[in-house]
């Protein structure tokens, strides 16, 4: 029993020492340094105000993990984006409502966030693509894609969703109109 206790203490000390020597960068640090932290928040297609396409980037764990949510008319997807300090890579893993699994790595190029993505659908079919996210201004994000196998490309401009007016709440104890 003493041996197990000593072993666990030694392991805990080793983990503690190794953790203290890791590079201090976080996903938040990386995003800010690359200027892509401005893509956080919600973006929608301008034509339908998000009926056709809505994408959100939100902190799941502040500074360390971003949750990406994507809603289209065909499916919904969610992914987690993290910074692996050991490899110094920004990693992406997710799934969609049709059973597809996505894996990828994020990088930056010419001020754009670039996701090299591999998607495996429920039937085992693999699709590889490159998705770029370019912040045009505080209210416009351009998302482009390139299918690696065919070279097909596309691009869409997304905007911040319109703010909905706040509903007026009646004050507690306020008079209500009588209907007769």
C-alpha atoms as a PDB file:
ATOM      1  CA  UNK A   1       0.000   0.000   0.000  1.00  0.00           C
ATOM      2  CA  UNK A   2       2.891   2.368   0.869  1.00  0.00           C
ATOM      3  CA  UNK A   3       4.507   1.589  -2.483  1.00  0.00           C
ATOM      4  CA  UNK A   4       1.330   2.498  -4.369  1.00  0.00           C
ATOM      5  CA  UNK A   5       1.009   5.723  -2.373  1.00  0.00           C
ATOM      6  CA  UNK A   6       4.649   6.661  -3.076  1.00  0.00           C
ATOM      7  CA  UNK A   7       4.200   5.818  -6.769  1.00  0.00           C
ATOM      8  CA  UNK A   8       1.061   7.974  -7.069  1.00  0.00           C
ATOM      9  CA  UNK A   9       2.813  10.861  -5.282  1.00  0.00           C
ATOM     10  CA  UNK A  10       5.759  10.571  -7.657  1.00  0.00           C
ATOM     11  CA  UNK A  11       3.433  10.513 -10.685  1.00  0.00           C
ATOM     12  CA  UNK A  12       1.560  13.576  -9.380  1.00  0.00           C
ATOM     13  CA  UNK A  13       4.861  15.417  -8.838  1.00  0.00           C
ATOM     14  CA  UNK A  14       6.038  14.487 -12.350  1.00  0.00           C
ATOM     15  CA  UNK A  15       2.786  15.664 -13.917  1.00  0.00           C
ATOM     16  CA  UNK A  16       2.955  18.895 -11.919  1.00  0.00           C
ATOM     17  CA  UNK A  17       6.557  19.527 -13.024  1.00  0.00           C
ATOM     18  CA  UNK A  18       5.808  18.695 -16.657  1.00  0.00           C
ATOM     19  CA  UNK A  19       2.764  20.970 -16.635  1.00  0.00           C
ATOM     20  CA  UNK A  20       4.749  23.893 -15.273  1.00  0.00           C
ATOM     21  CA  UNK A  21       7.284  23.567 -18.084  1.00  0.00           C
ATOM     22  CA  UNK A  22       4.704  23.603 -20.892  1.00  0.00           C
ATOM     23  CA  UNK A  23       4.507  26.664 -23.077  1.00  0.00           C
ATOM     24  CA  UNK A  24       2.061  29.207 -21.623  1.00  0.00           C
ATOM     25  CA  UNK A  25       0.197  29.903 -24.892  1.00  0.00           C
ATOM     26  CA  UNK A  26      -3.540  29.285 -24.941  1.00  0.00           C
ATOM     27  CA  UNK A  27      -6.007  29.206 -27.794  1.00  0.00           C
ATOM     28  CA  UNK A  28      -7.061  32.714 -26.768  1.00  0.00           C
ATOM     29  CA  UNK A  29      -3.433  33.903 -26.986  1.00  0.00           C
ATOM     30  CA  UNK A  30      -3.012  32.317 -30.415  1.00  0.00           C
ATOM     31  CA  UNK A  31      -6.258  33.791 -31.769  1.00  0.00           C
ATOM     32  CA  UNK A  32      -5.441  37.260 -30.473  1.00  0.00           C
ATOM     33  CA  UNK A  33      -1.865  37.154 -31.802  1.00  0.00           C
ATOM     34  CA  UNK A  34      -3.143  36.165 -35.261  1.00  0.00           C
ATOM     35  CA  UNK A  35      -5.975  38.739 -35.171  1.00  0.00           C
ATOM     36  CA  UNK A  36      -8.679  36.127 -35.665  1.00  0.00           C
ATOM     37  CA  UNK A  37     -10.340  36.513 -32.266  1.00  0.00           C
ATOM     38  CA  UNK A  38     -12.765  38.902 -33.994  1.00  0.00           C
ATOM     39  CA  UNK A  39     -14.491  35.936 -35.638  1.00  0.00           C
ATOM     40  CA  UNK A  40     -15.932  34.905 -32.266  1.00  0.00           C
ATOM     41  CA  UNK A  41     -19.688  35.339 -32.087  1.00  0.00           C
ATOM     42  CA  UNK A  42     -22.555  34.534 -34.434  1.00  0.00           C
ATOM     43  CA  UNK A  43     -22.664  35.015 -38.210  1.00  0.00           C
ATOM     44  CA  UNK A  44     -25.573  34.451 -40.613  1.00  0.00           C
ATOM     45  CA  UNK A  45     -26.244  34.589 -44.337  1.00  0.00           C
ATOM     46  CA  UNK A  46     -27.540  38.078 -45.106  1.00  0.00           C
ATOM     47  CA  UNK A  47     -30.303  36.959 -47.479  1.00  0.00           C
ATOM     48  CA  UNK A  48     -32.249  34.856 -44.960  1.00  0.00           C
ATOM     49  CA  UNK A  49     -30.885  36.178 -41.633  1.00  0.00           C
ATOM     50  CA  UNK A  50     -29.665  32.688 -40.726  1.00  0.00           C
ATOM     51  CA  UNK A  51     -32.470  30.501 -42.088  1.00  0.00           C
ATOM     52  CA  UNK A  52     -30.072  28.977 -44.637  1.00  0.00           C
ATOM     53  CA  UNK A  53     -26.789  29.301 -42.734  1.00  0.00           C
ATOM     54  CA  UNK A  54     -25.872  30.241 -39.192  1.00  0.00           C
ATOM     55  CA  UNK A  55     -22.435  29.744 -37.657  1.00  0.00           C
ATOM     56  CA  UNK A  56     -21.324  30.569 -34.128  1.00  0.00           C
ATOM     57  CA  UNK A  57     -17.897  30.537 -32.508  1.00  0.00           C
ATOM     58  CA  UNK A  58     -18.222  30.707 -28.701  1.00  0.00           C
ATOM     59  CA  UNK A  59     -15.868  30.059 -25.826  1.00  0.00           C
ATOM     60  CA  UNK A  60     -16.734  26.693 -24.331  1.00  0.00           C
ATOM     61  CA  UNK A  61     -13.863  27.076 -21.873  1.00  0.00           C
ATOM     62  CA  UNK A  62     -12.763  30.725 -21.809  1.00  0.00           C
ATOM     63  CA  UNK A  63      -9.372  31.112 -23.479  1.00  0.00           C
ATOM     64  CA  UNK A  64      -8.918  27.384 -24.086  1.00  0.00           C
ATOM     65  CA  UNK A  65     -11.709  25.814 -26.148  1.00  0.00           C
ATOM     66  CA  UNK A  66     -14.031  27.289 -28.777  1.00  0.00           C
ATOM     67  CA  UNK A  67     -17.268  25.557 -29.677  1.00  0.00           C
ATOM     68  CA  UNK A  68     -18.206  25.950 -33.330  1.00  0.00           C
ATOM     69  CA  UNK A  69     -21.903  25.477 -34.113  1.00  0.00           C
ATOM     70  CA  UNK A  70     -23.145  25.356 -37.708  1.00  0.00           C
ATOM     71  CA  UNK A  71     -26.784  25.190 -38.755  1.00  0.00           C
ATOM     72  CA  UNK A  72     -27.934  24.770 -42.347  1.00  0.00           C
ATOM     73  CA  UNK A  73     -31.248  23.638 -43.790  1.00  0.00           C
ATOM     74  CA  UNK A  74     -29.787  20.136 -44.207  1.00  0.00           C
ATOM     75  CA  UNK A  75     -27.996  19.568 -40.898  1.00  0.00           C
ATOM     76  CA  UNK A  76     -26.555  20.879 -37.684  1.00  0.00           C
ATOM     77  CA  UNK A  77     -22.918  20.470 -36.688  1.00  0.00           C
ATOM     78  CA  UNK A  78     -20.831  21.105 -33.638  1.00  0.00           C
ATOM     79  CA  UNK A  79     -17.076  21.042 -33.180  1.00  0.00           C
ATOM     80  CA  UNK A  80     -14.497  21.822 -30.555  1.00  0.00           C
ATOM     81  CA  UNK A  81     -11.399  23.867 -31.380  1.00  0.00           C
ATOM     82  CA  UNK A  82      -8.402  23.629 -29.017  1.00  0.00           C
ATOM     83  CA  UNK A  83      -4.714  24.526 -28.944  1.00  0.00           C
ATOM     84  CA  UNK A  84      -2.366  21.567 -28.407  1.00  0.00           C
ATOM     85  CA  UNK A  85       0.611  23.096 -26.607  1.00  0.00           C
ATOM     86  CA  UNK A  86       2.799  20.072 -27.269  1.00  0.00           C
ATOM     87  CA  UNK A  87       2.500  20.191 -31.050  1.00  0.00           C
ATOM     88  CA  UNK A  88       1.661  23.923 -31.124  1.00  0.00           C
ATOM     89  CA  UNK A  89      -1.276  23.151 -33.430  1.00  0.00           C
ATOM     90  CA  UNK A  90      -4.863  24.312 -33.290  1.00  0.00           C
ATOM     91  CA  UNK A  91      -7.003  21.182 -33.592  1.00  0.00           C
ATOM     92  CA  UNK A  92     -10.625  20.722 -34.636  1.00  0.00           C
ATOM     93  CA  UNK A  93     -12.948  17.754 -34.060  1.00  0.00           C
ATOM     94  CA  UNK A  94     -16.678  17.620 -34.578  1.00  0.00           C
ATOM     95  CA  UNK A  95     -19.769  15.791 -35.747  1.00  0.00           C
ATOM     96  CA  UNK A  96     -23.015  16.585 -37.525  1.00  0.00           C
ATOM     97  CA  UNK A  97     -26.631  15.457 -37.291  1.00  0.00           C
ATOM     98  CA  UNK A  98     -26.163  13.060 -40.214  1.00  0.00           C
ATOM     99  CA  UNK A  99     -23.427  11.094 -38.457  1.00  0.00           C
ATOM    100  CA  UNK A 100     -20.423  12.652 -40.189  1.00  0.00           C
ATOM    101  CA  UNK A 101     -17.212  13.082 -38.216  1.00  0.00           C
ATOM    102  CA  UNK A 102     -14.874  16.003 -38.908  1.00  0.00           C
ATOM    103  CA  UNK A 103     -11.214  16.387 -38.016  1.00  0.00           C
ATOM    104  CA  UNK A 104      -8.876  19.153 -38.939  1.00  0.00           C
ATOM    105  CA  UNK A 105      -6.157  21.651 -38.159  1.00  0.00           C
ATOM    106  CA  UNK A 106      -6.442  25.423 -38.138  1.00  0.00           C
ATOM    107  CA  UNK A 107      -3.743  27.793 -39.345  1.00  0.00           C
ATOM    108  CA  UNK A 108      -3.589  31.339 -40.630  1.00  0.00           C
ATOM    109  CA  UNK A 109      -2.671  32.667 -44.038  1.00  0.00           C
ATOM    110  CA  UNK A 110      -2.786  36.301 -45.189  1.00  0.00           C
ATOM    111  CA  UNK A 111      -4.935  37.315 -42.208  1.00  0.00           C
ATOM    112  CA  UNK A 112      -7.457  34.505 -42.701  1.00  0.00           C
ATOM    113  CA  UNK A 113      -8.155  31.548 -40.427  1.00  0.00           C
ATOM    114  CA  UNK A 114      -7.747  28.395 -42.532  1.00  0.00           C
ATOM    115  CA  UNK A 115      -9.222  25.018 -41.605  1.00  0.00           C
ATOM    116  CA  UNK A 116      -7.833  21.955 -43.385  1.00  0.00           C
ATOM    117  CA  UNK A 117     -10.718  19.576 -42.795  1.00  0.00           C
ATOM    118  CA  UNK A 118     -11.392  15.897 -43.370  1.00  0.00           C
ATOM    119  CA  UNK A 119     -15.013  14.797 -43.109  1.00  0.00           C
ATOM    120  CA  UNK A 120     -16.018  11.154 -42.959  1.00  0.00           C
ATOM    121  CA  UNK A 121     -19.745  10.612 -43.465  1.00  0.00           C
ATOM    122  CA  UNK A 122     -21.774   7.834 -41.837  1.00  0.00           C
ATOM    123  CA  UNK A 123     -21.217   5.629 -44.905  1.00  0.00           C
ATOM    124  CA  UNK A 124     -17.428   5.963 -44.664  1.00  0.00           C
ATOM    125  CA  UNK A 125     -17.032   8.375 -47.609  1.00  0.00           C
ATOM    126  CA  UNK A 126     -14.178  10.825 -47.027  1.00  0.00           C
ATOM    127  CA  UNK A 127     -14.177  14.439 -48.219  1.00  0.00           C
ATOM    128  CA  UNK A 128     -11.207  16.756 -47.752  1.00  0.00           C
ATOM    129  CA  UNK A 129     -11.550  20.495 -48.020  1.00  0.00           C
ATOM    130  CA  UNK A 130      -9.945  23.759 -47.082  1.00  0.00           C
ATOM    131  CA  UNK A 131     -12.203  26.347 -45.445  1.00  0.00           C
ATOM    132  CA  UNK A 132     -11.040  29.955 -45.087  1.00  0.00           C
ATOM    133  CA  UNK A 133     -12.545  32.477 -42.674  1.00  0.00           C
ATOM    134  CA  UNK A 134     -11.611  36.068 -43.545  1.00  0.00           C
ATOM    135  CA  UNK A 135     -12.765  38.930 -41.332  1.00  0.00           C
ATOM    136  CA  UNK A 136     -13.647  41.774 -43.709  1.00  0.00           C
ATOM    137  CA  UNK A 137     -14.801  44.201 -41.012  1.00  0.00           C
ATOM    138  CA  UNK A 138     -16.540  44.032 -37.622  1.00  0.00           C
ATOM    139  CA  UNK A 139     -19.822  42.980 -39.246  1.00  0.00           C
ATOM    140  CA  UNK A 140     -18.710  40.885 -42.248  1.00  0.00           C
ATOM    141  CA  UNK A 141     -16.994  37.487 -42.445  1.00  0.00           C
ATOM    142  CA  UNK A 142     -16.214  35.789 -45.749  1.00  0.00           C
ATOM    143  CA  UNK A 143     -16.125  31.981 -45.677  1.00  0.00           C
ATOM    144  CA  UNK A 144     -14.631  30.201 -48.664  1.00  0.00           C
ATOM    145  CA  UNK A 145     -14.036  26.553 -49.405  1.00  0.00           C
ATOM    146  CA  UNK A 146     -12.007  24.454 -51.790  1.00  0.00           C
ATOM    147  CA  UNK A 147     -12.670  20.758 -52.331  1.00  0.00           C
ATOM    148  CA  UNK A 148      -9.226  19.141 -52.388  1.00  0.00           C
ATOM    149  CA  UNK A 149     -10.156  16.285 -54.748  1.00  0.00           C
ATOM    150  CA  UNK A 150     -11.912  18.342 -57.425  1.00  0.00           C
ATOM    151  CA  UNK A 151     -10.616  21.869 -56.928  1.00  0.00           C
ATOM    152  CA  UNK A 152     -14.225  23.148 -56.780  1.00  0.00           C
ATOM    153  CA  UNK A 153     -14.484  26.391 -54.820  1.00  0.00           C
ATOM    154  CA  UNK A 154     -17.155  28.605 -53.343  1.00  0.00           C
ATOM    155  CA  UNK A 155     -17.510  31.604 -51.092  1.00  0.00           C
ATOM    156  CA  UNK A 156     -20.217  33.229 -48.986  1.00  0.00           C
ATOM    157  CA  UNK A 157     -20.335  36.498 -47.078  1.00  0.00           C
ATOM    158  CA  UNK A 158     -21.813  36.305 -43.608  1.00  0.00           C
ATOM    159  CA  UNK A 159     -22.972  39.147 -41.394  1.00  0.00           C
ATOM    160  CA  UNK A 160     -23.738  39.628 -37.735  1.00  0.00           C
ATOM    161  CA  UNK A 161     -27.419  38.870 -37.100  1.00  0.00           C
ATOM    162  CA  UNK A 162     -29.755  41.814 -36.660  1.00  0.00           C
ATOM    163  CA  UNK A 163     -30.454  42.586 -33.040  1.00  0.00           C
ATOM    164  CA  UNK A 164     -33.987  41.783 -32.033  1.00  0.00           C
ATOM    165  CA  UNK A 165     -35.857  44.519 -30.194  1.00  0.00           C
ATOM    166  CA  UNK A 166     -36.336  43.783 -26.524  1.00  0.00           C
ATOM    167  CA  UNK A 167     -39.892  43.014 -25.510  1.00  0.00           C
ATOM    168  CA  UNK A 168     -41.355  45.405 -22.959  1.00  0.00           C
ATOM    169  CA  UNK A 169     -42.093  43.615 -19.725  1.00  0.00           C
ATOM    170  CA  UNK A 170     -44.910  44.731 -17.500  1.00  0.00           C
ATOM    171  CA  UNK A 171     -43.827  45.792 -14.059  1.00  0.00           C
ATOM    172  CA  UNK A 172     -44.909  43.470 -11.262  1.00  0.00           C
ATOM    173  CA  UNK A 173     -48.119  44.746  -9.689  1.00  0.00           C
ATOM    174  CA  UNK A 174     -48.837  46.908 -12.731  1.00  0.00           C
ATOM    175  CA  UNK A 175     -52.399  47.454 -13.841  1.00  0.00           C
ATOM    176  CA  UNK A 176     -53.736  45.233 -16.559  1.00  0.00           C
ATOM    177  CA  UNK A 177     -56.433  46.327 -18.958  1.00  0.00           C
ATOM    178  CA  UNK A 178     -59.747  44.647 -18.396  1.00  0.00           C
ATOM    179  CA  UNK A 179     -61.336  42.997 -21.388  1.00  0.00           C
ATOM    180  CA  UNK A 180     -65.083  42.811 -21.495  1.00  0.00           C
END
